[in-house]
């Protein structure tokens, strides 16, 4: 296996063996107290082709994968769920690049939203992405905690998804996972303009690249979060490790942030 990239402070890599094979499943783990959580990579799953191999999206598998796409995704979610001591049945949402945050709806219900929160250890909450920042928010304290997860692309960040998620649980800490970095996220003038006033520090000197981690972190601090940890690992740069919508021109899978209270 190639050397894994060094993450920012607050994260460590963990490599778990697949039970049924000798394959390895690396995941990036936030060092959060009272939470079992993991950012999945693309390695260690059952999907093939452009979705190789740990794709957790039914939509991507249906459009780009094999006839047995449901079985493959459920197997992949079972592998990913095991990283946090859970099964393949997650509480998910229908992500729409906006700012709505909902209480975890439970497995089988998918309201349109870009974040969800819970204070119930029964819930395994998850968000998925192929370039956007997946954010884990920690609120309360161990034994009386709350968590929220959010999907933050540039539209969602501008719309307020990060601040909404933080305030939904009065978060004190946020972890910002792998995403497309400012090295690769070249944008048009309309995006620069959307970020200029509120997230000036996130715009590169060439005014053609945006730092989503910087923008999301700034918004979290503005919403009252005290600690921000950013992985700062670019999904587009690491083709063998992460799916990337921008790099792969839309023909790609999704990785996940999976979390539950413990």
Protein backbone atom coordinates (compact mmCIF):
# COMPACT_ATOMS: atom_id res chain seq x y z
CA UNK A 1 0.00 0.00 0.00
CA UNK A 2 1.24 3.50 -0.82
CA UNK A 3 2.13 5.75 2.09
CA UNK A 4 -0.89 7.57 3.42
CA UNK A 5 -0.71 11.39 3.39
CA UNK A 6 -0.10 13.14 6.69
CA UNK A 7 -3.34 14.63 8.05
CA UNK A 8 -3.75 17.83 9.99
CA UNK A 9 -3.79 17.89 13.79
CA UNK A 10 -6.69 16.04 15.40
CA UNK A 11 -6.77 13.14 12.93
CA UNK A 12 -5.04 9.78 12.66
CA UNK A 13 -5.11 7.05 10.04
CA UNK A 14 -6.39 3.62 10.99
CA UNK A 15 -6.06 0.60 8.74
CA UNK A 16 -8.56 -2.20 9.35
CA UNK A 17 -8.42 -5.63 7.71
CA UNK A 18 -11.46 -6.83 5.77
CA UNK A 19 -12.90 -9.87 7.53
CA UNK A 20 -13.55 -11.84 4.35
CA UNK A 21 -10.29 -11.02 2.56
CA UNK A 22 -6.78 -9.81 3.21
CA UNK A 23 -7.71 -6.36 1.86
CA UNK A 24 -7.08 -3.30 3.99
CA UNK A 25 -9.58 -0.51 4.63
CA UNK A 26 -7.84 2.72 5.63
CA UNK A 27 -9.97 5.37 7.32
CA UNK A 28 -9.20 8.78 8.75
CA UNK A 29 -10.30 9.01 12.38
CA UNK A 30 -11.00 12.26 14.26
CA UNK A 31 -9.64 12.14 17.80
CA UNK A 32 -12.99 13.03 19.36
CA UNK A 33 -14.06 12.01 22.87
CA UNK A 34 -17.37 10.18 23.27
CA UNK A 35 -17.80 9.54 19.55
CA UNK A 36 -17.00 6.60 17.29
CA UNK A 37 -16.34 8.17 13.91
CA UNK A 38 -14.45 7.65 10.67
CA UNK A 39 -13.92 9.21 7.28
CA UNK A 40 -13.81 6.40 4.75
CA UNK A 41 -11.42 6.21 1.82
CA UNK A 42 -12.16 4.50 -1.50
CA UNK A 43 -10.12 1.39 -0.62
CA UNK A 44 -11.24 -1.97 0.70
CA UNK A 45 -14.68 -2.39 -0.87
CA UNK A 46 -16.47 -4.49 -3.48
CA UNK A 47 -17.34 -2.00 -6.24
CA UNK A 48 -15.57 -2.14 -9.59
CA UNK A 49 -14.46 0.11 -12.42
CA UNK A 50 -14.67 3.87 -11.78
CA UNK A 51 -16.38 3.08 -8.46
CA UNK A 52 -13.54 0.91 -7.21
CA UNK A 53 -13.88 0.02 -4.50
CA UNK A 54 -15.55 1.30 -1.30
CA UNK A 55 -18.32 3.34 -2.92
CA UNK A 56 -21.15 3.95 -0.43
CA UNK A 57 -23.59 5.73 -2.77
CA UNK A 58 -26.60 3.85 -4.17
CA UNK A 59 -27.13 6.62 -6.74
CA UNK A 60 -23.55 6.43 -8.07
CA UNK A 61 -23.67 2.63 -8.20
CA UNK A 62 -27.02 2.60 -9.99
CA UNK A 63 -25.79 5.05 -12.64
CA UNK A 64 -22.25 3.75 -13.10
CA UNK A 65 -22.00 0.31 -11.52
CA UNK A 66 -23.10 -3.28 -11.93
CA UNK A 67 -26.57 -4.85 -11.96
CA UNK A 68 -26.12 -6.01 -8.36
CA UNK A 69 -25.48 -2.42 -7.21
CA UNK A 70 -27.68 -2.62 -4.10
CA UNK A 71 -25.83 -5.66 -2.77
CA UNK A 72 -22.46 -4.03 -3.44
CA UNK A 73 -23.37 -0.79 -1.67
CA UNK A 74 -24.85 -2.60 1.31
CA UNK A 75 -21.67 -4.68 1.59
CA UNK A 76 -19.56 -1.53 1.35
CA UNK A 77 -21.67 0.19 3.99
CA UNK A 78 -21.31 -2.84 6.22
CA UNK A 79 -17.52 -2.59 5.87
CA UNK A 80 -17.62 1.16 6.57
CA UNK A 81 -20.08 0.81 9.44
CA UNK A 82 -17.82 -1.71 11.13
CA UNK A 83 -15.19 1.03 11.41
CA UNK A 84 -17.37 2.66 14.08
CA UNK A 85 -18.92 -0.48 15.54
CA UNK A 86 -22.15 -0.19 13.54
CA UNK A 87 -23.91 -2.09 10.76
CA UNK A 88 -24.86 -0.98 7.23
CA UNK A 89 -28.14 0.70 8.23
CA UNK A 90 -27.34 4.40 8.60
CA UNK A 91 -29.37 7.54 9.11
CA UNK A 92 -28.80 9.48 5.87
CA UNK A 93 -30.27 12.54 4.16
CA UNK A 94 -30.93 13.61 0.58
CA UNK A 95 -28.13 16.14 0.14
CA UNK A 96 -29.11 19.18 -1.92
CA UNK A 97 -26.22 21.70 -1.48
CA UNK A 98 -28.26 23.98 0.78
CA UNK A 99 -28.22 24.70 4.53
CA UNK A 100 -31.03 22.72 6.21
CA UNK A 101 -30.09 20.71 9.32
CA UNK A 102 -32.54 18.10 10.68
CA UNK A 103 -32.70 15.75 13.60
CA UNK A 104 -31.45 12.32 12.50
CA UNK A 105 -34.41 10.74 10.69
CA UNK A 106 -33.24 7.17 11.19
CA UNK A 107 -32.55 4.49 8.62
CA UNK A 108 -35.01 4.42 5.73
CA UNK A 109 -36.06 8.08 5.87
CA UNK A 110 -34.18 10.62 3.73
CA UNK A 111 -35.43 14.21 4.01
CA UNK A 112 -33.86 16.89 1.83
CA UNK A 113 -31.14 18.45 3.99
CA UNK A 114 -27.39 18.81 4.18
CA UNK A 115 -26.85 17.99 7.82
CA UNK A 116 -28.31 16.00 10.67
CA UNK A 117 -27.81 15.87 14.42
CA UNK A 118 -28.50 13.38 17.19
CA UNK A 119 -28.22 12.89 20.93
CA UNK A 120 -29.22 9.21 20.69
CA UNK A 121 -26.50 6.50 20.69
CA UNK A 122 -28.85 4.31 18.62
CA UNK A 123 -28.33 6.54 15.58
CA UNK A 124 -25.47 6.00 13.15
CA UNK A 125 -25.41 9.25 11.20
CA UNK A 126 -23.63 9.67 7.87
CA UNK A 127 -23.03 12.13 5.06
CA UNK A 128 -21.33 11.37 1.75
CA UNK A 129 -19.19 13.31 -0.70
CA UNK A 130 -16.70 13.18 -3.54
CA UNK A 131 -15.07 16.62 -3.00
CA UNK A 132 -17.20 18.63 -0.56
CA UNK A 133 -16.14 19.01 3.07
CA UNK A 134 -17.76 16.51 5.42
CA UNK A 135 -17.98 18.12 8.85
CA UNK A 136 -18.29 16.45 12.26
CA UNK A 137 -19.55 18.66 15.10
CA UNK A 138 -19.25 17.75 18.79
CA UNK A 139 -21.50 19.30 21.42
CA UNK A 140 -22.29 18.68 25.06
CA UNK A 141 -20.03 16.34 27.00
CA UNK A 142 -19.40 12.61 27.27
CA UNK A 143 -22.47 10.91 28.69
CA UNK A 144 -24.64 13.86 27.69
CA UNK A 145 -23.31 14.58 24.23
CA UNK A 146 -24.65 15.57 20.85
CA UNK A 147 -23.14 15.23 17.41
CA UNK A 148 -23.96 16.64 14.01
CA UNK A 149 -22.65 15.81 10.57
CA UNK A 150 -22.87 18.10 7.56
CA UNK A 151 -22.10 18.10 3.85
CA UNK A 152 -20.50 21.42 2.88
CA UNK A 153 -19.73 22.31 -0.70
CA UNK A 154 -19.20 25.92 -1.72
CA UNK A 155 -22.93 26.55 -2.13
CA UNK A 156 -23.69 25.06 1.26
CA UNK A 157 -20.93 27.01 2.99
CA UNK A 158 -22.19 30.28 1.50
CA UNK A 159 -25.79 29.36 2.43
CA UNK A 160 -24.82 28.77 6.08
CA UNK A 161 -24.80 24.98 6.48
CA UNK A 162 -21.74 25.06 8.75
CA UNK A 163 -23.14 27.66 11.14
CA UNK A 164 -26.56 25.98 11.16
CA UNK A 165 -25.02 22.62 12.07
CA UNK A 166 -22.85 24.16 14.78
CA UNK A 167 -25.76 25.99 16.38
CA UNK A 168 -28.07 22.97 16.17
CA UNK A 169 -26.09 21.29 18.96
CA UNK A 170 -24.16 24.27 20.41
CA UNK A 171 -20.99 22.64 19.12
CA UNK A 172 -17.67 23.31 20.78
CA UNK A 173 -15.51 21.34 18.30
CA UNK A 174 -15.61 20.63 14.58
CA UNK A 175 -13.57 18.29 12.38
CA UNK A 176 -13.29 19.07 8.66
CA UNK A 177 -12.47 15.99 6.61
CA UNK A 178 -10.73 15.36 3.29
CA UNK A 179 -12.08 17.51 0.45
CA UNK A 180 -10.94 19.18 -2.72
CA UNK A 181 -8.14 21.51 -1.69
CA UNK A 182 -7.30 25.03 -2.84
CA UNK A 183 -4.60 23.44 -4.97
CA UNK A 184 -7.30 21.93 -7.23
CA UNK A 185 -10.51 23.86 -6.58
CA UNK A 186 -10.38 26.40 -9.38
CA UNK A 187 -13.59 28.42 -9.59
CA UNK A 188 -15.20 31.13 -11.66
CA UNK A 189 -15.60 34.81 -10.74
CA UNK A 190 -19.13 34.25 -9.44
CA UNK A 191 -17.83 31.88 -6.74
CA UNK A 192 -14.99 34.21 -5.82
CA UNK A 193 -17.49 37.02 -5.48
CA UNK A 194 -19.73 34.88 -3.26
CA UNK A 195 -16.80 34.19 -0.93
CA UNK A 196 -15.06 37.57 -1.06
CA UNK A 197 -17.00 39.47 1.56
CA UNK A 198 -17.55 36.74 4.12
CA UNK A 199 -14.56 34.45 3.63
CA UNK A 200 -11.85 36.71 2.24
CA UNK A 201 -9.03 34.60 3.70
CA UNK A 202 -10.25 31.55 1.75
CA UNK A 203 -9.52 33.11 -1.66
CA UNK A 204 -6.09 32.38 -3.11
CA UNK A 205 -3.85 35.21 -4.26
CA UNK A 206 -4.55 34.33 -7.89
CA UNK A 207 -8.27 34.81 -7.18
CA UNK A 208 -9.09 31.61 -9.08
CA UNK A 209 -8.88 29.04 -6.24
CA UNK A 210 -10.90 28.76 -3.03
CA UNK A 211 -9.98 27.06 0.26
CA UNK A 212 -13.16 25.36 1.50
CA UNK A 213 -11.53 24.29 4.77
CA UNK A 214 -10.64 27.88 5.61
CA UNK A 215 -14.14 29.10 4.78
CA UNK A 216 -15.86 26.33 6.74
CA UNK A 217 -13.56 26.83 9.73
CA UNK A 218 -14.16 30.57 9.71
CA UNK A 219 -17.91 30.05 9.65
CA UNK A 220 -17.72 27.52 12.50
CA UNK A 221 -15.77 29.93 14.70
CA UNK A 222 -18.27 32.67 13.91
CA UNK A 223 -21.04 30.32 15.10
CA UNK A 224 -19.36 29.76 18.48
CA UNK A 225 -17.22 26.66 17.89
CA UNK A 226 -14.05 26.86 19.99
CA UNK A 227 -11.83 24.29 18.25
CA UNK A 228 -11.49 23.59 14.53
CA UNK A 229 -9.46 20.67 13.18
CA UNK A 230 -8.89 20.38 9.41
CA UNK A 231 -7.59 17.24 7.73
CA UNK A 232 -6.30 19.27 4.76
CA UNK A 233 -5.98 16.22 2.51
CA UNK A 234 -7.08 16.91 -1.06
CA UNK A 235 -9.45 14.35 -2.56
CA UNK A 236 -8.54 15.42 -6.09
CA UNK A 237 -4.79 14.98 -5.55
CA UNK A 238 -5.05 11.43 -4.16
CA UNK A 239 -6.69 9.41 -6.91
CA UNK A 240 -5.90 6.03 -5.39
CA UNK A 241 -7.27 7.02 -2.00
CA UNK A 242 -10.38 9.15 -2.58
CA UNK A 243 -13.20 9.66 -5.05
CA UNK A 244 -13.28 13.14 -6.62
CA UNK A 245 -16.15 14.55 -8.64
CA UNK A 246 -14.03 17.35 -10.14
CA UNK A 247 -11.05 15.14 -11.05
CA UNK A 248 -13.16 12.30 -12.43
CA UNK A 249 -15.62 14.56 -14.29
CA UNK A 250 -18.60 13.25 -12.35
CA UNK A 251 -18.00 9.56 -13.05
CA UNK A 252 -17.02 8.51 -9.55
CA UNK A 253 -18.21 7.09 -6.24
CA UNK A 254 -18.67 8.61 -2.79
CA UNK A 255 -16.83 8.30 0.50
CA UNK A 256 -18.54 8.89 3.84
CA UNK A 257 -18.28 10.37 7.27
CA UNK A 258 -19.90 7.88 9.64
CA UNK A 259 -20.41 8.66 13.33
CA UNK A 260 -22.28 7.61 16.45
CA UNK A 261 -22.25 8.51 20.13
CA UNK A 262 -20.63 6.06 22.53
